[in-house]
Protein backbone atom coordinates (compact mmCIF):
# COMPACT_ATOMS: atom_id res chain seq x y z
CA MET A 1 -5.42 32.85 -3.32
CA SER A 2 -2.39 31.59 -1.65
CA GLY A 3 -1.93 28.81 0.25
CA SER A 4 -3.82 26.70 -2.76
CA PRO A 5 -4.12 22.92 -1.78
CA ASP A 6 -2.59 22.06 -5.45
CA VAL A 7 0.37 23.47 -5.65
CA TYR A 8 3.18 21.84 -6.55
CA ALA A 9 6.30 21.25 -8.62
CA ALA A 10 8.54 18.89 -10.71
CA ALA A 11 12.32 19.06 -10.78
CA LEU A 12 13.63 18.88 -13.76
CA ASN A 13 17.46 18.31 -13.99
CA PRO A 14 18.32 19.14 -17.41
CA GLY A 15 22.00 18.40 -17.19
CA ARG A 16 21.20 14.41 -16.78
CA SER A 17 18.79 14.22 -19.66
CA THR A 18 18.83 14.64 -23.44
CA LEU A 19 16.40 16.77 -24.97
CA ALA A 20 13.96 13.95 -26.30
CA SER A 21 13.88 12.41 -21.97
CA ALA A 22 13.63 16.04 -21.37
CA VAL A 23 10.51 16.34 -23.58
CA GLU A 24 9.54 13.00 -22.22
CA ILE A 25 9.44 14.08 -18.49
CA ALA A 26 7.80 17.27 -19.63
CA LYS A 27 4.87 15.49 -21.25
CA LEU A 28 4.34 12.94 -18.03
CA ALA A 29 4.42 15.56 -15.56
CA GLU A 30 1.65 17.83 -17.57
CA ALA A 31 -0.36 14.71 -17.94
CA ASN A 32 -0.35 13.99 -14.36
CA ARG A 33 -1.37 17.99 -13.67
CA PHE A 34 1.91 19.31 -12.30
CA ASP A 35 2.22 23.03 -11.57
CA ALA A 36 5.48 23.33 -12.88
CA LEU A 37 8.90 22.30 -14.36
CA PHE A 38 11.44 23.57 -12.02
CA ALA A 39 15.05 23.77 -13.81
CA ALA A 40 18.15 24.06 -11.36
CA ASP A 41 21.38 26.34 -12.61
CA LEU A 42 25.24 25.33 -12.53
CA LEU A 43 27.81 27.68 -13.37
CA SER A 44 30.81 26.38 -12.31
CA PHE A 45 32.77 22.75 -13.33
CA GLY A 46 33.91 21.49 -10.23
CA ALA A 47 30.11 21.88 -8.43
CA GLN A 48 27.79 19.34 -7.75
CA GLY A 49 26.06 17.53 -10.91
CA ALA A 50 27.93 20.68 -12.82
CA ILE A 51 29.04 18.24 -15.95
CA GLY A 52 26.62 18.50 -18.68
CA ALA A 53 24.52 21.06 -17.18
CA GLN A 54 22.72 22.50 -19.55
CA GLU A 55 21.12 26.38 -19.39
CA PRO A 56 17.76 26.25 -18.26
CA LEU A 57 16.14 29.07 -20.44
CA ILE A 58 17.20 27.40 -23.73
CA VAL A 59 15.39 23.87 -22.22
CA LEU A 60 12.15 25.15 -20.74
CA SER A 61 12.05 27.51 -24.05
CA ALA A 62 12.26 24.03 -25.78
CA LEU A 63 9.80 22.19 -23.50
CA SER A 64 7.19 25.19 -23.96
CA ALA A 65 6.83 23.95 -27.18
CA VAL A 66 5.63 20.59 -26.43
CA THR A 67 3.33 21.70 -23.37
CA THR A 68 0.55 24.01 -22.69
CA HIS A 69 -0.33 24.16 -18.82
CA VAL A 70 2.77 23.28 -17.10
CA GLY A 71 4.80 26.26 -15.47
CA LEU A 72 8.29 26.51 -16.67
CA ILE A 73 10.59 27.36 -13.63
CA ALA A 74 14.17 29.09 -14.63
CA THR A 75 16.74 29.12 -12.16
CA VAL A 76 18.99 32.15 -13.31
CA THR A 77 21.70 34.07 -11.34
CA THR A 78 21.44 38.18 -10.93
CA THR A 79 25.20 38.21 -9.54
CA PHE A 80 26.63 37.31 -13.38
CA GLN A 81 23.88 38.53 -15.66
CA HIS A 82 22.59 42.22 -16.61
CA PRO A 83 18.91 42.94 -15.82
CA TYR A 84 18.27 44.16 -19.26
CA ASN A 85 18.82 40.82 -20.68
CA LEU A 86 16.91 39.17 -18.18
CA ALA A 87 14.01 41.03 -18.49
CA ARG A 88 14.36 40.18 -22.59
CA LEU A 89 14.93 36.47 -21.67
CA PHE A 90 12.16 35.73 -19.32
CA GLY A 91 9.74 38.17 -20.80
CA THR A 92 10.84 36.21 -24.70
CA LEU A 93 10.42 33.04 -22.27
CA ASP A 94 6.88 34.28 -21.02
CA HIS A 95 5.61 35.11 -24.61
CA VAL A 96 6.68 31.83 -26.39
CA SER A 97 5.01 30.00 -23.42
CA ASN A 98 2.01 31.99 -23.70
CA GLY A 99 2.31 33.09 -19.78
CA ARG A 100 4.02 30.30 -18.33
CA ALA A 101 7.41 31.48 -17.58
CA ALA A 102 8.54 32.11 -13.77
CA TRP A 103 12.15 33.09 -12.77
CA ASN A 104 13.76 31.68 -10.10
CA ALA A 105 16.12 34.70 -9.13
CA VAL A 106 19.32 33.17 -6.96
CA THR A 107 22.86 34.73 -6.02
CA SER A 108 25.19 32.67 -6.79
CA SER A 109 28.02 31.31 -4.51
CA VAL A 110 29.77 29.48 -7.32
CA GLY A 111 31.20 30.52 -10.76
CA GLU A 112 33.12 34.01 -10.57
CA GLU A 113 36.23 32.17 -12.10
CA ASN A 114 34.56 32.15 -15.26
CA TYR A 115 32.96 35.91 -15.28
CA GLY A 116 35.82 37.49 -14.34
CA ASP A 117 39.56 37.68 -12.66
CA GLY A 118 37.90 39.25 -9.35
CA ASP A 119 36.78 37.27 -6.11
CA LEU A 120 33.26 36.22 -5.40
CA PRO A 121 31.80 39.26 -4.29
CA THR A 122 30.43 39.39 -0.63
CA PRO A 123 26.56 38.04 0.27
CA GLU A 124 25.91 41.69 1.55
CA GLN A 125 27.25 43.01 -2.36
CA ARG A 126 25.48 39.97 -4.16
CA TYR A 127 22.40 40.67 -2.15
CA GLU A 128 22.68 44.63 -3.24
CA ARG A 129 23.38 44.00 -6.52
CA ALA A 130 20.19 41.29 -6.62
CA ALA A 131 17.80 43.68 -5.45
CA GLU A 132 18.67 46.44 -8.05
CA SER A 133 18.17 44.11 -10.72
CA LEU A 134 14.92 43.16 -9.64
CA GLU A 135 13.92 46.70 -9.64
CA VAL A 136 15.27 47.37 -13.00
CA VAL A 137 14.11 44.12 -14.42
CA ASN A 138 10.42 44.69 -12.75
CA ALA A 139 10.03 48.35 -14.28
CA LEU A 140 11.28 47.34 -17.56
CA PHE A 141 8.37 45.12 -17.31
CA ASP A 142 6.09 47.62 -16.35
CA SER A 143 7.62 50.24 -18.78
CA TRP A 144 4.73 49.32 -21.38
CA ARG A 145 1.81 50.82 -19.78
CA PRO A 146 -1.84 48.91 -19.72
CA GLY A 147 -3.01 49.93 -23.64
CA ALA A 148 0.15 49.93 -25.45
CA LEU A 149 -0.51 47.81 -27.98
CA THR A 150 -4.27 46.94 -28.96
CA ALA A 151 -5.24 44.70 -32.07
CA ASP A 152 -6.57 46.51 -35.06
CA GLY A 153 -9.18 43.90 -35.46
CA ARG A 154 -7.27 42.56 -38.79
CA GLY A 155 -4.86 40.59 -37.16
CA GLY A 156 -2.48 43.47 -36.70
CA ALA A 157 -1.68 45.50 -33.91
CA ILE A 158 -1.85 49.53 -32.44
CA LEU A 159 1.13 50.85 -31.22
CA ASP A 160 0.62 53.94 -28.87
CA ALA A 161 4.37 54.29 -28.56
CA GLU A 162 3.13 57.50 -25.82
CA LEU A 163 2.42 54.43 -23.56
CA VAL A 164 5.51 52.95 -23.25
CA ARG A 165 8.08 54.95 -21.48
CA PRO A 166 11.89 54.47 -20.56
CA ILE A 167 12.86 53.95 -16.55
CA ASP A 168 15.81 56.50 -16.70
CA HIS A 169 16.98 53.57 -13.83
CA ALA A 170 20.53 54.91 -12.61
CA GLY A 171 21.70 52.97 -9.83
CA THR A 172 25.10 51.60 -8.05
CA TYR A 173 25.08 48.63 -10.00
CA PHE A 174 23.26 49.48 -13.19
CA THR A 175 22.80 52.33 -15.82
CA VAL A 176 18.96 51.29 -17.86
CA ARG A 177 17.37 54.02 -20.08
CA GLY A 178 14.70 51.39 -20.91
CA PRO A 179 12.39 50.85 -22.05
CA LEU A 180 12.10 46.96 -22.83
CA ASN A 181 12.21 46.45 -26.46
CA ILE A 182 9.65 44.00 -26.61
CA PRO A 183 5.72 44.01 -26.55
CA PRO A 184 3.78 43.68 -23.00
CA LEU A 185 4.08 39.83 -21.64
CA PRO A 186 1.12 37.34 -21.35
CA GLN A 187 1.21 37.69 -17.41
CA ARG A 188 2.78 41.58 -17.00
CA ARG A 189 5.63 39.92 -15.49
CA PRO A 190 6.94 36.01 -15.20
CA VAL A 191 6.15 34.56 -11.72
CA GLN A 192 8.68 36.11 -9.57
CA PHE A 193 10.51 32.74 -7.35
CA GLN A 194 13.36 33.63 -4.91
CA ALA A 195 15.88 31.11 -3.24
CA GLY A 196 18.33 32.34 -0.42
CA GLN A 197 17.60 31.72 3.68
CA SER A 198 20.52 34.29 5.04
CA GLU A 199 19.10 37.52 6.60
CA ALA A 200 19.88 39.63 3.59
CA GLY A 201 17.97 36.71 1.48
CA ILE A 202 14.85 36.66 3.71
CA GLU A 203 14.89 40.74 3.30
CA LEU A 204 15.08 40.39 -0.62
CA GLY A 205 12.50 37.17 -0.76
CA ALA A 206 10.51 39.34 1.54
CA ARG A 207 10.86 42.17 -0.53
CA PHE A 208 10.37 40.57 -4.18
CA ALA A 209 9.11 36.97 -4.45
CA GLU A 210 5.96 35.90 -4.87
CA VAL A 211 7.38 32.07 -4.12
CA VAL A 212 10.53 31.70 -2.09
CA PHE A 213 12.07 28.45 -2.86
CA THR A 214 13.38 26.66 0.59
CA SER A 215 15.85 24.63 2.39
CA LEU A 216 13.95 23.64 5.88
CA PRO A 217 15.11 20.21 7.46
CA THR A 218 12.43 20.40 10.11
CA LEU A 219 9.02 21.47 10.66
CA ASP A 220 10.32 24.15 13.68
CA ASP A 221 12.61 25.66 10.62
CA ALA A 222 9.41 25.81 8.19
CA ILE A 223 7.61 27.63 11.41
CA THR A 224 10.17 29.63 12.07
CA TYR A 225 11.24 30.75 8.42
CA ALA A 226 7.87 31.33 7.49
CA LYS A 227 6.80 33.93 10.37
CA LYS A 228 10.09 35.90 9.82
CA ILE A 229 9.70 36.24 5.97
CA ARG A 230 6.02 36.54 5.80
CA THR A 231 6.03 39.29 8.71
CA ARG A 232 8.75 40.85 6.92
CA ALA A 233 6.86 41.26 3.80
CA ALA A 234 3.17 42.75 5.57
CA GLU A 235 5.81 45.36 6.87
CA LEU A 236 6.93 46.19 3.35
CA GLY A 237 3.07 45.95 2.21
CA ARG A 238 3.08 43.22 0.72
CA ALA A 239 -0.27 40.98 0.04
CA ASP A 240 -1.63 38.64 2.67
CA GLY A 241 0.03 35.30 2.25
CA LEU A 242 2.97 36.58 0.15
CA PRO A 243 5.45 35.03 -0.54
CA LEU A 244 4.05 31.63 -1.18
CA ILE A 245 6.65 29.02 0.72
CA MET A 246 8.07 26.25 -1.34
CA SER A 247 10.17 23.44 -0.54
CA SER A 248 12.12 20.67 -1.72
CA PHE A 249 11.18 17.19 -0.13
CA HIS A 250 13.70 14.33 -0.80
CA ALA A 251 11.79 11.08 -0.57
CA THR A 252 13.34 7.74 0.04
CA TYR A 253 9.58 5.58 -1.20
CA GLY A 254 8.98 2.02 0.33
CA ALA A 255 6.23 -0.55 -0.34
CA SER A 256 6.44 -1.52 3.54
CA GLU A 257 7.76 -0.32 6.44
CA ALA A 258 10.51 -3.12 6.28
CA GLU A 259 11.31 -2.44 2.81
CA VAL A 260 11.93 1.53 3.68
CA ARG A 261 14.11 0.79 6.78
CA ARG A 262 16.46 -1.60 4.42
CA LEU A 263 16.68 1.13 1.71
CA VAL A 264 17.44 3.73 4.14
CA ARG A 265 20.02 1.27 5.70
CA GLU A 266 21.68 0.33 2.26
CA ARG A 267 22.10 4.17 1.84
CA ASP A 268 23.74 4.90 5.08
CA GLU A 269 25.99 1.84 4.42
CA ALA A 270 26.94 2.97 0.75
CA THR A 271 28.14 6.15 2.28
CA ASP A 272 31.56 7.30 1.14
CA PHE A 273 32.72 8.76 4.54
CA GLU A 274 35.89 10.09 2.66
CA ALA A 275 34.32 11.71 0.05
CA GLY A 276 31.50 12.80 2.66
CA ARG A 277 34.04 14.68 4.82
CA LEU A 278 34.76 17.30 1.91
CA ALA A 279 30.76 17.52 0.86
CA LEU A 280 30.40 18.12 4.52
CA ALA A 281 33.07 20.79 4.76
CA ASP A 282 31.06 22.11 1.83
CA MET A 283 27.89 22.37 3.50
CA LEU A 284 29.90 24.33 6.42
CA GLY A 285 31.57 27.12 4.25
CA GLY A 286 34.38 25.21 2.47
CA GLY A 287 36.80 26.85 4.88
CA ILE A 288 37.29 23.84 7.53
CA ASP A 289 39.53 20.85 7.34
CA LEU A 290 37.77 17.59 8.60
CA THR A 291 40.34 15.16 7.16
CA GLY A 292 40.88 12.93 10.66
CA LEU A 293 38.54 13.48 13.01
CA PRO A 294 36.35 10.47 14.22
CA LEU A 295 33.35 9.43 13.03
CA ASP A 296 31.34 9.11 15.67
CA ARG A 297 31.68 11.78 17.68
CA PRO A 298 30.95 15.48 17.20
CA ILE A 299 32.81 18.11 15.27
CA PRO A 300 34.46 20.11 17.47
CA GLU A 301 32.74 24.03 17.93
CA SER A 302 36.27 25.55 17.61
CA LEU A 303 35.96 24.40 13.71
CA LEU A 304 32.39 25.77 12.92
CA PRO A 305 32.90 28.61 10.63
CA ASP A 306 32.04 32.45 12.04
CA MET A 307 29.14 33.18 9.95
CA ARG A 308 30.52 36.78 9.26
CA SER A 309 33.42 35.07 7.25
CA VAL A 310 31.06 33.04 5.18
CA ARG A 311 31.04 34.27 1.19
CA ARG A 312 29.17 31.14 0.41
CA ARG A 313 25.56 30.06 0.99
CA ARG A 314 25.20 31.17 4.48
CA GLY A 315 22.03 29.68 4.97
CA ARG A 316 23.10 26.07 3.89
CA VAL A 317 25.78 27.12 6.67
CA GLU A 318 23.46 28.08 8.93
CA ILE A 319 21.63 24.78 8.73
CA PHE A 320 24.62 22.33 8.93
CA SER A 321 26.29 24.56 11.72
CA ALA A 322 23.17 24.09 13.95
CA PHE A 323 23.05 20.36 12.99
CA ALA A 324 26.72 20.29 14.34
CA ARG A 325 25.63 22.01 17.49
CA SER A 326 22.67 19.34 18.37
CA GLY A 327 25.39 17.46 19.31
CA LYS A 328 25.29 14.89 15.68
CA THR A 329 28.41 13.03 14.73
CA LEU A 330 30.22 13.58 12.47
CA ARG A 331 28.99 10.27 10.42
CA GLU A 332 25.52 11.11 10.74
CA LEU A 333 26.29 14.96 9.78
CA ILE A 334 27.65 13.20 6.42
CA ILE A 335 24.93 11.38 5.63
CA ALA A 336 22.59 14.44 6.16
CA ALA A 337 25.09 15.87 3.83
CA LYS A 338 23.72 13.72 1.08
CA ASP A 339 20.29 15.95 1.34
CA THR A 340 22.38 19.27 1.08
CA GLY A 341 20.27 20.35 4.03
CA HIS A 342 16.89 19.93 2.44
CA TRP A 343 13.43 18.38 3.72
CA ALA A 344 14.08 14.73 3.50
CA ALA A 345 12.00 11.95 4.55
CA ALA A 346 11.47 7.78 3.82
CA GLY A 347 8.76 6.02 4.31
CA THR A 348 5.54 4.50 2.56
CA PRO A 349 3.66 6.86 0.02
CA GLU A 350 1.21 7.50 3.16
CA GLN A 351 3.57 8.26 5.24
CA LEU A 352 5.29 10.38 3.20
CA ALA A 353 1.72 12.09 2.54
CA ASP A 354 1.64 12.50 6.47
CA ALA A 355 4.59 14.43 6.66
CA ILE A 356 3.25 16.78 3.99
CA ALA A 357 0.07 16.89 5.44
CA GLU A 358 1.89 18.04 8.90
CA ARG A 359 3.78 21.10 6.92
CA TYR A 360 0.31 22.03 4.99
CA ASP A 361 -1.89 22.20 7.69
CA ALA A 362 0.55 24.28 9.44
CA GLY A 363 0.13 26.94 7.08
CA VAL A 364 4.01 26.66 5.85
CA LEU A 365 3.85 25.08 2.32
CA ASP A 366 2.24 25.87 -0.26
CA VAL A 367 4.90 24.50 -3.22
CA ILE A 368 6.70 21.54 -2.77
CA SER A 369 9.40 20.07 -5.22
CA LEU A 370 8.83 16.75 -6.03
CA GLY A 371 11.39 14.59 -7.94
CA GLY A 372 12.18 11.39 -9.22
CA LEU A 373 9.95 11.53 -12.68
CA THR A 374 13.09 10.05 -14.43
CA ASP A 375 13.81 7.08 -12.26
CA PRO A 376 11.12 4.44 -13.32
CA ARG A 377 10.52 2.54 -9.60
CA THR A 378 10.62 7.02 -8.10
CA ARG A 379 7.95 7.85 -10.97
CA ASP A 380 5.48 4.54 -9.99
CA PHE A 381 5.66 5.11 -6.23
CA LEU A 382 5.27 8.99 -6.92
CA LEU A 383 2.25 8.97 -10.06
CA ASN A 384 0.43 5.41 -8.46
CA GLY A 385 1.50 6.10 -4.56
CA LEU A 386 1.91 9.51 -3.06
CA LEU A 387 0.36 12.00 -5.94
CA PRO A 388 -3.33 9.68 -5.66
CA GLU A 389 -2.94 9.60 -1.74
CA LEU A 390 -2.17 13.57 -1.71
CA ARG A 391 -5.25 14.19 -3.93
CA ARG A 392 -7.96 11.92 -1.85
CA ARG A 393 -6.74 14.07 1.13
CA ASN A 394 -7.23 17.55 -1.03
CA ILE A 395 -4.04 18.91 -0.37
CA ILE A 396 -3.59 18.98 -4.08
CA GLY A 397 -6.10 19.66 -7.37
CA HIS A 398 -6.98 17.65 -9.82
CA ASP A 399 -6.65 19.78 -12.89
CA TYR A 400 -5.06 23.33 -13.99
CA ARG A 401 -7.00 26.63 -13.32
CA GLY A 402 -6.19 28.87 -15.80
CA SER A 403 -4.43 29.45 -18.83
CA THR A 404 -1.28 31.18 -17.06
CA PHE A 405 1.07 29.84 -13.87
CA ARG A 406 -0.34 32.69 -11.98
CA ASP A 407 -3.58 31.82 -12.80
CA ASN A 408 -3.06 28.35 -11.64
CA LEU A 409 -0.86 29.50 -8.41
CA GLU A 410 -3.85 31.59 -7.91
CA LEU A 411 -1.39 34.77 -7.05
CA PRO A 412 -2.90 37.83 -5.92
CA PRO A 413 -2.91 40.62 -8.17
CA LEU A 414 0.36 42.20 -9.30
CA PRO A 415 0.43 46.05 -8.13
CA PRO A 416 -1.06 48.82 -10.53
CA ILE A 417 1.17 50.65 -12.72
């Protein structure tokens, strides 16, 4: 069932890894019973961290060969990809991993310069295209009816072509006859993740997502978001408890409270505030100039963007606009922008476990993204501090539950074909 106490994910950043180091991290994650590896994606050279970023599906396909249980979550855009290709790519990943594939569907807010001469589509257009893309992909996965392919008892298979049916989709953005030209998937469909917190993102997630990946910096944000998206999902007839809520967790670990205070102070003191003005402007939609504003005063209300004019990452802009309206100074906002609107906490492993338990007990945290396996110090705190403490509290489990990613997430059955 949803709300399982042992669902968590390790963030994988293949942009900073050779294949050898990515393999090392994947094996370490599986040995420590992480449920999944999560690979982000970046489509533009100028995006933060984009230099050297690698294509997630290819990296995760390689990692599928050296793991047997850990789930493989690839972030791939619907804005610049065709659903027939997406179905074939994720279907193949599900096959080569024996049922461990998951798709984090996003609508890109960058990269349009690399996919044609036009401007970035509006958020409304991007989400309309995403909804149609998900409809097509799911229809293609379901184009093979039960019994279409059966074992012949001699190591081969028998195809009943009458049970493989075209989807005959003709929509606003795509015309796809189908059916899908790869065999039925081990999971029938890869697990569907979705990232997006604007109103359009909530609607898309409520309709399609089994897990939503969120940036929810406070408990109140998490409670408000979970109630809104699950209420809408129930109105759409989704199974009880869907979608699961996945939150990233930016943790600063210390062995004592004194060390935590020192690490936070050093991090803040190391801030490049001039570069930070540009980063914060990006968090606010990219259309404002913060040059020359005093660091220790709030941003004037008149500079904050009108959400109707924002074309990029409205959910992120909403978070930082709310921070600004709460009275935070420009200095505080620039420091907050280092975590890009994600949930951030600093403490000992026990204190960080308290923060996680608070959200888990409130019913607004089902999956947590825990980064830091690539750094020896953070890895030690994570594997020998935080995870044992979460297991001691029965917030996460001790082993995998089944052979597929769906099994391990304990998701409700897919709707019948």
